C-alpha atoms as a PDB file:
ATOM      1  CA  MET A   1     -50.777  35.952 181.787  1.00  0.00           C
ATOM      2  CA  ALA A   2     -53.879  34.781 179.967  1.00  0.00           C
ATOM      3  CA  PRO A   3     -54.161  31.049 179.367  1.00  0.00           C
ATOM      4  CA  ALA A   4     -53.833  29.814 175.799  1.00  0.00           C
ATOM      5  CA  ALA A   5     -56.899  28.684 173.894  1.00  0.00           C
ATOM      6  CA  GLY A   6     -58.298  25.481 175.393  1.00  0.00           C
ATOM      7  CA  GLU A   7     -56.088  25.743 178.477  1.00  0.00           C
ATOM      8  CA  SER A   8     -57.486  26.192 181.970  1.00  0.00           C
ATOM      9  CA  LYS A   9     -56.227  28.896 184.324  1.00  0.00           C
ATOM     10  CA  VAL A  10     -54.713  26.299 186.672  1.00  0.00           C
ATOM     11  CA  THR A  11     -52.859  24.565 183.846  1.00  0.00           C
ATOM     12  CA  GLY A  12     -51.533  27.918 182.626  1.00  0.00           C
ATOM     13  CA  GLU A  13     -50.323  28.811 186.124  1.00  0.00           C
ATOM     14  CA  LEU A  14     -48.613  25.442 186.536  1.00  0.00           C
ATOM     15  CA  ARG A  15     -46.908  25.857 183.175  1.00  0.00           C
ATOM     16  CA  LEU A  16     -45.772  29.363 184.115  1.00  0.00           C
ATOM     17  CA  GLU A  17     -44.379  28.138 187.438  1.00  0.00           C
ATOM     18  CA  ARG A  18     -42.565  25.285 185.695  1.00  0.00           C
ATOM     19  CA  ASP A  19     -41.054  27.697 183.174  1.00  0.00           C
ATOM     20  CA  ARG A  20     -39.955  30.088 185.927  1.00  0.00           C
ATOM     21  CA  ALA A  21     -38.251  27.260 187.797  1.00  0.00           C
ATOM     22  CA  LEU A  22     -36.577  25.978 184.635  1.00  0.00           C
ATOM     23  CA  PHE A  23     -35.265  29.367 183.523  1.00  0.00           C
ATOM     24  CA  GLY A  24     -34.105  30.211 187.052  1.00  0.00           C
ATOM     25  CA  LEU A  25     -32.205  26.952 187.212  1.00  0.00           C
ATOM     26  CA  ILE A  26     -30.675  27.594 183.787  1.00  0.00           C
ATOM     27  CA  ALA A  27     -29.603  31.089 184.876  1.00  0.00           C
ATOM     28  CA  VAL A  28     -27.961  29.759 188.037  1.00  0.00           C
ATOM     29  CA  GLY A  29     -26.296  26.914 186.125  1.00  0.00           C
ATOM     30  CA  LEU A  30     -24.900  29.253 183.468  1.00  0.00           C
ATOM     31  CA  SER A  31     -23.669  31.662 186.142  1.00  0.00           C
ATOM     32  CA  ASN A  32     -21.880  28.810 187.882  1.00  0.00           C
ATOM     33  CA  VAL A  33     -20.264  27.733 184.608  1.00  0.00           C
ATOM     34  CA  VAL A  34     -19.095  31.300 183.918  1.00  0.00           C
ATOM     35  CA  ILE A  35     -17.646  31.637 187.430  1.00  0.00           C
ATOM     36  CA  ALA A  36     -15.820  28.320 187.030  1.00  0.00           C
ATOM     37  CA  ALA A  37     -14.511  29.314 183.586  1.00  0.00           C
ATOM     38  CA  ILE A  38     -13.208  32.652 184.844  1.00  0.00           C
ATOM     39  CA  ALA A  39     -11.544  30.918 187.799  1.00  0.00           C
ATOM     40  CA  GLY A  40      -9.998  28.359 185.425  1.00  0.00           C
ATOM     41  CA  VAL A  41      -8.583  31.072 183.177  1.00  0.00           C
ATOM     42  CA  ALA A  42      -7.264  32.960 186.202  1.00  0.00           C
ATOM     43  CA  VAL A  43      -5.499  29.858 187.534  1.00  0.00           C
ATOM     44  CA  TRP A  44      -4.061  29.139 184.086  1.00  0.00           C
ATOM     45  CA  GLN A  45      -2.718  32.702 183.843  1.00  0.00           C
ATOM     46  CA  LEU A  46      -1.003  32.424 187.241  1.00  0.00           C
ATOM     47  CA  ASN A  47       1.656  30.098 185.805  1.00  0.00           C
ATOM     48  CA  GLY A  48       1.909  27.742 188.750  1.00  0.00           C
ATOM     49  CA  ASP A  49       1.605  30.115 191.731  1.00  0.00           C
ATOM     50  CA  LYS A  50      -0.163  27.569 193.918  1.00  0.00           C
ATOM     51  CA  SER A  51      -1.050  29.758 196.877  1.00  0.00           C
ATOM     52  CA  VAL A  52      -2.819  32.359 194.727  1.00  0.00           C
ATOM     53  CA  ALA A  53      -4.448  29.638 192.612  1.00  0.00           C
ATOM     54  CA  LEU A  54      -5.848  28.079 195.777  1.00  0.00           C
ATOM     55  CA  GLY A  55      -7.299  31.451 196.757  1.00  0.00           C
ATOM     56  CA  VAL A  56      -8.919  31.895 193.338  1.00  0.00           C
ATOM     57  CA  ILE A  57     -10.378  28.391 193.401  1.00  0.00           C
ATOM     58  CA  SER A  58     -11.753  28.750 196.932  1.00  0.00           C
ATOM     59  CA  ALA A  59     -13.292  32.134 196.060  1.00  0.00           C
ATOM     60  CA  ALA A  60     -14.923  30.615 192.973  1.00  0.00           C
ATOM     61  CA  PHE A  61     -16.248  27.708 195.028  1.00  0.00           C
ATOM     62  CA  THR A  62     -17.685  30.169 197.540  1.00  0.00           C
ATOM     63  CA  ALA A  63     -19.393  32.165 194.784  1.00  0.00           C
ATOM     64  CA  VAL A  64     -20.857  29.048 193.146  1.00  0.00           C
ATOM     65  CA  SER A  65     -22.127  27.569 196.404  1.00  0.00           C
ATOM     66  CA  THR A  66     -23.577  30.897 197.544  1.00  0.00           C
ATOM     67  CA  MET A  67     -25.388  31.445 194.251  1.00  0.00           C
ATOM     68  CA  THR A  68     -26.813  27.929 194.229  1.00  0.00           C
ATOM     69  CA  THR A  69     -27.864  28.063 197.877  1.00  0.00           C
ATOM     70  CA  ALA A  70     -29.514  31.448 197.391  1.00  0.00           C
ATOM     71  CA  TYR A  71     -31.498  30.170 194.405  1.00  0.00           C
ATOM     72  CA  LEU A  72     -32.647  27.047 196.228  1.00  0.00           C
ATOM     73  CA  GLY A  73     -33.537  29.023 199.361  1.00  0.00           C
ATOM     74  CA  ILE A  74     -35.518  31.637 197.465  1.00  0.00           C
ATOM     75  CA  LYS A  75     -37.290  28.920 195.484  1.00  0.00           C
ATOM     76  CA  ALA A  76     -38.208  27.026 198.671  1.00  0.00           C
ATOM     77  CA  VAL A  77     -39.571  30.148 200.364  1.00  0.00           C
ATOM     78  CA  SER A  78     -41.507  31.068 197.227  1.00  0.00           C
ATOM     79  CA  ASN A  79     -43.061  27.607 197.033  1.00  0.00           C
ATOM     80  CA  THR A  80     -43.975  27.709 200.735  1.00  0.00           C
ATOM     81  CA  ALA A  81     -45.552  31.154 200.433  1.00  0.00           C
ATOM     82  CA  LYS A  82     -47.532  30.084 197.391  1.00  0.00           C
ATOM     83  CA  ALA A  83     -48.775  26.933 199.125  1.00  0.00           C
ATOM     84  CA  MET A  84     -49.811  28.922 202.197  1.00  0.00           C
ATOM     85  CA  SER A  85     -51.650  31.523 200.118  1.00  0.00           C
ATOM     86  CA  GLN A  86     -53.635  28.795 198.369  1.00  0.00           C
ATOM     87  CA  ARG A  87     -54.943  27.316 201.618  1.00  0.00           C
ATOM     88  CA  ASP A  88     -58.488  27.773 202.738  1.00  0.00           C
ATOM     89  CA  THR A  89     -58.760  31.363 203.961  1.00  0.00           C
ATOM     90  CA  SER A  90     -62.242  31.114 205.457  1.00  0.00           C
ATOM     91  CA  PRO A  91     -62.637  32.716 208.893  1.00  0.00           C
ATOM     92  CA  ARG A  92     -62.061  30.353 211.793  1.00  0.00           C
ATOM     93  CA  ASP A  93     -64.691  29.627 214.375  1.00  0.00           C
ATOM     94  CA  GLN A  94     -64.214  31.887 217.335  1.00  0.00           C
ATOM     95  CA  THR A  95     -65.651  30.325 220.464  1.00  0.00           C
END
């Protein structure tokens, strides 16, 4: 992505990374809301069957926590890889 007029390459990259993180977080948040809404409708449609409702709620909780953990884990690994690739890559002294 080419930087906008008057914007340095580093600033453009930082802005791109910020936007990626923001949109990824929005996607995960919306997915979690949809999962919770579907689970809520399913529990409502069960008309008081508590054992099945508990199963639906625990499955929804598992899906939400897995999705959130996966996003945070992938983001952490991505940040670590990016930081390592930006280190000084000059050859080390071999004595």
